[in-house]
């Protein structure tokens, strides 16, 4: 596999419709091409250098879960991980290898579907103040990284700029309608539990995650990425110890390094040192290998 880190991706003659923090979206007419770059963001700022293999890991982990859950929920995939590229994309095969998905043109739901199985991040902050997470009352006595009695659905808004805002289920119903919000909640909890149980057997705790759903031909389908180290908190199960923050499989080394700098967390992001990049890349690859039992 090439070691080149892909930060920007243009495909001459193919219309790029969006460039997100990590993904590029191209319009193929009746379908989209999603390509995951190796960009990495921390504190909502994209760093100037990326993480080798990261885009391939995110794409291949998503392919793995989409396939695994295809009987639980329909998804946006139109081609499998090893299917040949359409003719017009074949000239770009090297650039797209392992990091691209051809998908249905679904209309994304206007809420983020977040499931938390453990207390961490913004949920922990809210719990310390009010013993709730997104308005859901939780038992007394939970600590940082505690496993919750049952996973909870804690949706948020989708902010074009700045941070998404946590909302309660009633507010989610106001935004997308009660029927869709209920379907999205039930599917999110079901997929999270199935993924959590599988990952746990492979040495990974999935503490929380964010799912994206979209409407396609009037039906709700699973889109974007699924249970990756970018959309979820992955913790090594053999090091799990509640009462403190956990080591993780994602941007931990990047965040830890940035916290040592006098950087004010606004763009531009600082250049990441080679050892931080190498350690982070190794963690992404390890997550893929543990879950799938394969080398990338």
Protein backbone atom coordinates (compact mmCIF):
# COMPACT_ATOMS: atom_id res chain seq x y z
CA UNK A 1 0.00 0.00 0.00
CA UNK A 2 1.32 3.45 -0.85
CA UNK A 3 2.63 5.45 2.07
CA UNK A 4 1.73 8.78 0.50
CA UNK A 5 -0.58 10.79 2.66
CA UNK A 6 -3.54 12.08 0.68
CA UNK A 7 -4.63 15.52 1.90
CA UNK A 8 -6.34 17.00 -1.15
CA UNK A 9 -8.14 15.07 -3.82
CA UNK A 10 -9.31 16.31 -7.19
CA UNK A 11 -10.44 14.10 -10.04
CA UNK A 12 -10.26 16.10 -13.30
CA UNK A 13 -13.56 15.86 -15.17
CA UNK A 14 -15.47 14.56 -12.10
CA UNK A 15 -17.59 17.17 -10.33
CA UNK A 16 -16.63 17.68 -6.67
CA UNK A 17 -19.69 18.88 -4.73
CA UNK A 18 -18.35 19.09 -1.20
CA UNK A 19 -15.15 18.97 0.78
CA UNK A 20 -15.64 18.15 4.45
CA UNK A 21 -13.10 17.88 7.26
CA UNK A 22 -12.05 14.44 6.04
CA UNK A 23 -14.22 13.45 3.05
CA UNK A 24 -14.51 14.66 -0.52
CA UNK A 25 -17.88 14.12 -2.24
CA UNK A 26 -18.06 13.80 -6.03
CA UNK A 27 -21.24 13.72 -8.12
CA UNK A 28 -21.43 10.78 -10.53
CA UNK A 29 -24.89 11.67 -11.82
CA UNK A 30 -27.20 9.11 -10.24
CA UNK A 31 -24.83 8.37 -7.34
CA UNK A 32 -22.11 9.91 -5.19
CA UNK A 33 -18.47 8.98 -4.82
CA UNK A 34 -17.20 9.49 -1.25
CA UNK A 35 -13.44 9.62 -0.80
CA UNK A 36 -11.81 9.71 2.65
CA UNK A 37 -8.61 11.75 2.74
CA UNK A 38 -5.91 11.39 5.40
CA UNK A 39 -6.72 14.79 6.89
CA UNK A 40 -7.07 14.93 10.64
CA UNK A 41 -8.87 17.56 12.66
CA UNK A 42 -8.66 18.21 16.38
CA UNK A 43 -10.68 20.80 18.29
CA UNK A 44 -12.49 21.43 14.98
CA UNK A 45 -9.28 22.57 13.25
CA UNK A 46 -7.75 20.62 10.34
CA UNK A 47 -4.03 19.99 10.88
CA UNK A 48 -1.59 20.90 8.08
CA UNK A 49 -0.21 17.35 7.82
CA UNK A 50 -2.28 14.19 7.77
CA UNK A 51 -2.12 10.63 9.09
CA UNK A 52 -0.97 7.95 6.59
CA UNK A 53 -3.60 5.22 5.91
CA UNK A 54 -6.29 7.01 7.93
CA UNK A 55 -8.70 7.47 5.01
CA UNK A 56 -8.33 3.83 3.99
CA UNK A 57 -8.93 2.65 7.58
CA UNK A 58 -12.11 4.72 7.95
CA UNK A 59 -13.45 3.51 4.59
CA UNK A 60 -12.62 -0.16 5.11
CA UNK A 61 -13.98 -0.26 8.68
CA UNK A 62 -17.21 1.31 7.37
CA UNK A 63 -17.41 -1.26 4.55
CA UNK A 64 -16.93 -4.00 7.16
CA UNK A 65 -19.81 -2.78 9.36
CA UNK A 66 -22.16 -1.93 6.46
CA UNK A 67 -21.80 -5.50 5.27
CA UNK A 68 -22.13 -6.94 8.79
CA UNK A 69 -25.31 -4.97 9.54
CA UNK A 70 -26.92 -5.19 6.10
CA UNK A 71 -29.64 -7.49 7.43
CA UNK A 72 -30.41 -5.11 10.34
CA UNK A 73 -30.66 -1.87 8.36
CA UNK A 74 -30.44 -0.88 4.66
CA UNK A 75 -27.45 1.33 3.82
CA UNK A 76 -26.17 3.61 1.08
CA UNK A 77 -23.53 1.33 -0.46
CA UNK A 78 -23.87 0.63 -4.19
CA UNK A 79 -20.58 -1.26 -4.53
CA UNK A 80 -18.64 -3.61 -2.27
CA UNK A 81 -15.14 -2.94 -0.97
CA UNK A 82 -13.53 -5.06 -3.70
CA UNK A 83 -15.81 -4.27 -6.65
CA UNK A 84 -14.12 -2.77 -9.74
CA UNK A 85 -14.46 0.98 -10.26
CA UNK A 86 -16.74 2.31 -13.02
CA UNK A 87 -14.92 3.06 -16.28
CA UNK A 88 -14.79 6.85 -15.81
CA UNK A 89 -13.04 6.42 -12.43
CA UNK A 90 -10.50 3.80 -13.51
CA UNK A 91 -7.86 6.41 -14.48
CA UNK A 92 -7.88 7.45 -10.80
CA UNK A 93 -7.70 3.90 -9.40
CA UNK A 94 -4.43 4.53 -7.52
CA UNK A 95 -5.78 7.64 -5.82
CA UNK A 96 -9.06 5.95 -4.89
CA UNK A 97 -7.71 2.56 -3.78
CA UNK A 98 -9.23 1.48 -0.44
CA UNK A 99 -10.45 5.00 0.39
CA UNK A 100 -13.56 5.38 -1.78
CA UNK A 101 -17.23 4.36 -1.65
CA UNK A 102 -19.88 4.60 -4.35
CA UNK A 103 -23.18 5.38 -2.66
CA UNK A 104 -26.84 6.25 -3.14
CA UNK A 105 -27.86 9.90 -3.20
CA UNK A 106 -29.71 9.99 0.11
CA UNK A 107 -31.01 13.14 1.78
CA UNK A 108 -29.29 13.30 5.20
CA UNK A 109 -31.46 13.67 8.31
CA UNK A 110 -31.07 17.07 9.95
CA UNK A 111 -29.94 15.54 13.27
CA UNK A 112 -26.84 13.67 14.41
CA UNK A 113 -27.75 10.29 15.94
CA UNK A 114 -25.46 9.78 18.91
CA UNK A 115 -25.49 6.75 21.19
CA UNK A 116 -23.56 6.69 24.45
CA UNK A 117 -22.78 3.48 26.30
CA UNK A 118 -20.25 5.05 28.66
CA UNK A 119 -19.93 8.42 30.37
CA UNK A 120 -17.37 10.62 28.63
CA UNK A 121 -16.89 13.96 26.87
CA UNK A 122 -19.76 16.45 26.92
CA UNK A 123 -21.99 13.81 28.57
CA UNK A 124 -19.67 13.63 31.59
CA UNK A 125 -19.63 17.44 31.92
CA UNK A 126 -23.44 17.59 31.92
CA UNK A 127 -23.74 14.64 34.34
CA UNK A 128 -21.44 16.36 36.86
CA UNK A 129 -23.71 19.42 36.79
CA UNK A 130 -27.17 17.86 36.74
CA UNK A 131 -26.92 14.04 36.84
CA UNK A 132 -28.39 14.01 33.32
CA UNK A 133 -27.08 13.57 29.78
CA UNK A 134 -29.13 15.39 27.11
CA UNK A 135 -31.88 15.65 29.72
CA UNK A 136 -31.88 11.87 30.45
CA UNK A 137 -31.69 11.21 34.20
CA UNK A 138 -28.87 8.81 35.12
CA UNK A 139 -28.10 6.95 38.36
CA UNK A 140 -26.12 8.61 41.15
CA UNK A 141 -22.46 7.76 41.61
CA UNK A 142 -21.24 7.38 38.01
CA UNK A 143 -17.65 8.45 37.34
CA UNK A 144 -15.56 9.37 34.30
CA UNK A 145 -15.79 6.46 31.81
CA UNK A 146 -18.46 4.54 33.79
CA UNK A 147 -20.50 2.10 31.71
CA UNK A 148 -24.13 3.24 31.65
CA UNK A 149 -26.84 0.79 32.82
CA UNK A 150 -28.23 0.89 29.25
CA UNK A 151 -26.98 2.76 26.16
CA UNK A 152 -28.80 6.09 25.65
CA UNK A 153 -29.74 7.97 22.47
CA UNK A 154 -28.55 11.58 22.72
CA UNK A 155 -29.15 13.42 19.44
CA UNK A 156 -27.61 16.73 18.48
CA UNK A 157 -28.19 19.43 15.90
CA UNK A 158 -26.00 19.68 12.81
CA UNK A 159 -24.14 22.96 12.84
CA UNK A 160 -22.87 24.33 9.53
CA UNK A 161 -20.42 26.41 11.54
CA UNK A 162 -19.12 25.88 15.08
CA UNK A 163 -20.24 23.06 17.35
CA UNK A 164 -23.29 20.80 17.17
CA UNK A 165 -25.66 21.35 20.10
CA UNK A 166 -26.93 18.48 22.25
CA UNK A 167 -30.74 18.27 22.19
CA UNK A 168 -33.32 16.02 23.82
CA UNK A 169 -35.50 13.50 21.99
CA UNK A 170 -38.53 15.85 21.90
CA UNK A 171 -36.43 18.51 20.15
CA UNK A 172 -35.23 15.87 17.65
CA UNK A 173 -38.89 15.04 16.95
CA UNK A 174 -39.57 18.75 16.33
CA UNK A 175 -36.73 18.88 13.78
CA UNK A 176 -37.32 15.70 11.74
CA UNK A 177 -40.79 14.55 12.83
CA UNK A 178 -41.72 11.99 15.46
CA UNK A 179 -41.83 9.00 13.12
CA UNK A 180 -38.35 9.50 11.65
CA UNK A 181 -36.83 10.47 15.01
CA UNK A 182 -38.22 7.29 16.59
CA UNK A 183 -36.97 5.10 13.72
CA UNK A 184 -33.52 6.74 13.86
CA UNK A 185 -33.34 6.31 17.65
CA UNK A 186 -34.36 2.63 17.58
CA UNK A 187 -31.98 1.78 14.73
CA UNK A 188 -29.11 3.70 16.36
CA UNK A 189 -29.49 1.80 19.65
CA UNK A 190 -29.82 -1.54 17.86
CA UNK A 191 -26.73 -1.04 15.66
CA UNK A 192 -24.67 0.35 18.55
CA UNK A 193 -25.44 -2.65 20.76
CA UNK A 194 -24.59 -5.13 17.98
CA UNK A 195 -21.35 -3.30 17.17
CA UNK A 196 -20.39 -2.83 20.83
CA UNK A 197 -20.83 -6.55 21.58
CA UNK A 198 -18.80 -7.59 18.52
CA UNK A 199 -16.00 -5.08 19.20
CA UNK A 200 -15.81 -6.09 22.86
CA UNK A 201 -14.99 -9.67 21.79
CA UNK A 202 -12.14 -8.20 19.73
CA UNK A 203 -10.61 -6.17 22.54
CA UNK A 204 -12.23 -2.80 21.78
CA UNK A 205 -14.77 -0.91 23.87
CA UNK A 206 -16.93 1.39 21.73
CA UNK A 207 -17.80 3.99 24.36
CA UNK A 208 -20.05 6.12 22.17
CA UNK A 209 -20.68 6.75 18.50
CA UNK A 210 -22.41 8.95 15.97
CA UNK A 211 -24.55 7.52 13.17
CA UNK A 212 -25.82 9.33 10.10
CA UNK A 213 -29.09 8.39 8.45
CA UNK A 214 -30.61 9.63 5.23
CA UNK A 215 -33.83 9.27 3.27
CA UNK A 216 -33.67 7.37 0.00
CA UNK A 217 -36.83 6.60 -1.97
CA UNK A 218 -38.85 7.41 1.14
CA UNK A 219 -36.97 4.98 3.42
CA UNK A 220 -34.49 5.63 6.19
CA UNK A 221 -31.04 4.18 5.41
CA UNK A 222 -27.66 4.21 7.16
CA UNK A 223 -25.15 6.53 5.44
CA UNK A 224 -21.71 8.13 5.81
CA UNK A 225 -19.35 6.12 8.06
CA UNK A 226 -20.13 3.52 10.71
CA UNK A 227 -18.41 2.77 14.03
CA UNK A 228 -15.00 4.09 12.99
CA UNK A 229 -12.37 5.62 15.30
CA UNK A 230 -13.42 9.03 13.90
CA UNK A 231 -17.15 8.70 14.56
CA UNK A 232 -16.76 6.83 17.87
CA UNK A 233 -14.62 6.60 20.99
CA UNK A 234 -12.66 3.34 20.80
CA UNK A 235 -10.95 2.25 24.03
CA UNK A 236 -8.65 -0.77 24.50
CA UNK A 237 -10.70 -3.20 26.62
CA UNK A 238 -7.67 -4.62 28.44
CA UNK A 239 -6.78 -1.18 29.84
CA UNK A 240 -10.31 -0.10 30.81
CA UNK A 241 -10.42 1.48 34.27
CA UNK A 242 -13.35 3.76 35.17
CA UNK A 243 -12.72 6.87 37.25
CA UNK A 244 -10.46 8.57 34.69
CA UNK A 245 -10.13 9.24 30.97
CA UNK A 246 -9.21 6.16 28.89
CA UNK A 247 -6.45 5.68 26.33
CA UNK A 248 -8.01 5.54 22.88
CA UNK A 249 -7.59 4.34 19.32
CA UNK A 250 -8.10 7.63 17.58
CA UNK A 251 -6.74 11.12 17.84
CA UNK A 252 -5.48 10.72 21.41
CA UNK A 253 -1.80 11.28 20.55
CA UNK A 254 -2.71 14.30 18.43
CA UNK A 255 -4.91 15.85 21.13
CA UNK A 256 -2.39 15.10 23.89
CA UNK A 257 0.39 16.70 21.87
CA UNK A 258 -1.70 19.79 21.04
CA UNK A 259 -2.58 20.25 24.72
CA UNK A 260 1.15 20.70 25.48
CA UNK A 261 1.42 23.67 23.08
CA UNK A 262 0.65 27.34 23.59
CA UNK A 263 -1.77 27.05 20.62
CA UNK A 264 -5.16 28.77 21.05
CA UNK A 265 -7.14 26.06 19.15
CA UNK A 266 -8.00 28.35 16.24
CA UNK A 267 -6.77 27.90 12.64
CA UNK A 268 -4.18 27.40 11.37
CA UNK A 269 -3.33 24.18 13.19
CA UNK A 270 0.32 23.48 14.05
CA UNK A 271 2.45 20.97 12.11
CA UNK A 272 2.36 17.56 13.82
CA UNK A 273 5.72 15.97 14.65
CA UNK A 274 6.67 12.72 12.86
CA UNK A 275 6.43 10.55 16.00
CA UNK A 276 2.87 11.77 16.78
CA UNK A 277 1.85 11.07 13.17
CA UNK A 278 3.42 7.59 13.24
CA UNK A 279 1.82 6.61 16.57
CA UNK A 280 -1.60 7.86 15.44
CA UNK A 281 -1.36 6.00 12.13
CA UNK A 282 -0.42 2.81 13.99
CA UNK A 283 -3.48 3.16 16.25
CA UNK A 284 -5.87 3.53 13.30
CA UNK A 285 -4.34 0.45 11.64
CA UNK A 286 -4.54 -1.52 14.88
CA UNK A 287 -8.25 -0.70 15.23
CA UNK A 288 -8.88 -2.01 11.71
CA UNK A 289 -6.87 -5.18 12.32
CA UNK A 290 -8.53 -5.96 15.66
CA UNK A 291 -12.05 -5.54 14.30
CA UNK A 292 -11.66 -7.29 10.97
CA UNK A 293 -8.90 -9.80 11.77
CA UNK A 294 -7.16 -8.65 8.56
CA UNK A 295 -4.20 -6.46 7.64
CA UNK A 296 -5.04 -3.42 5.52
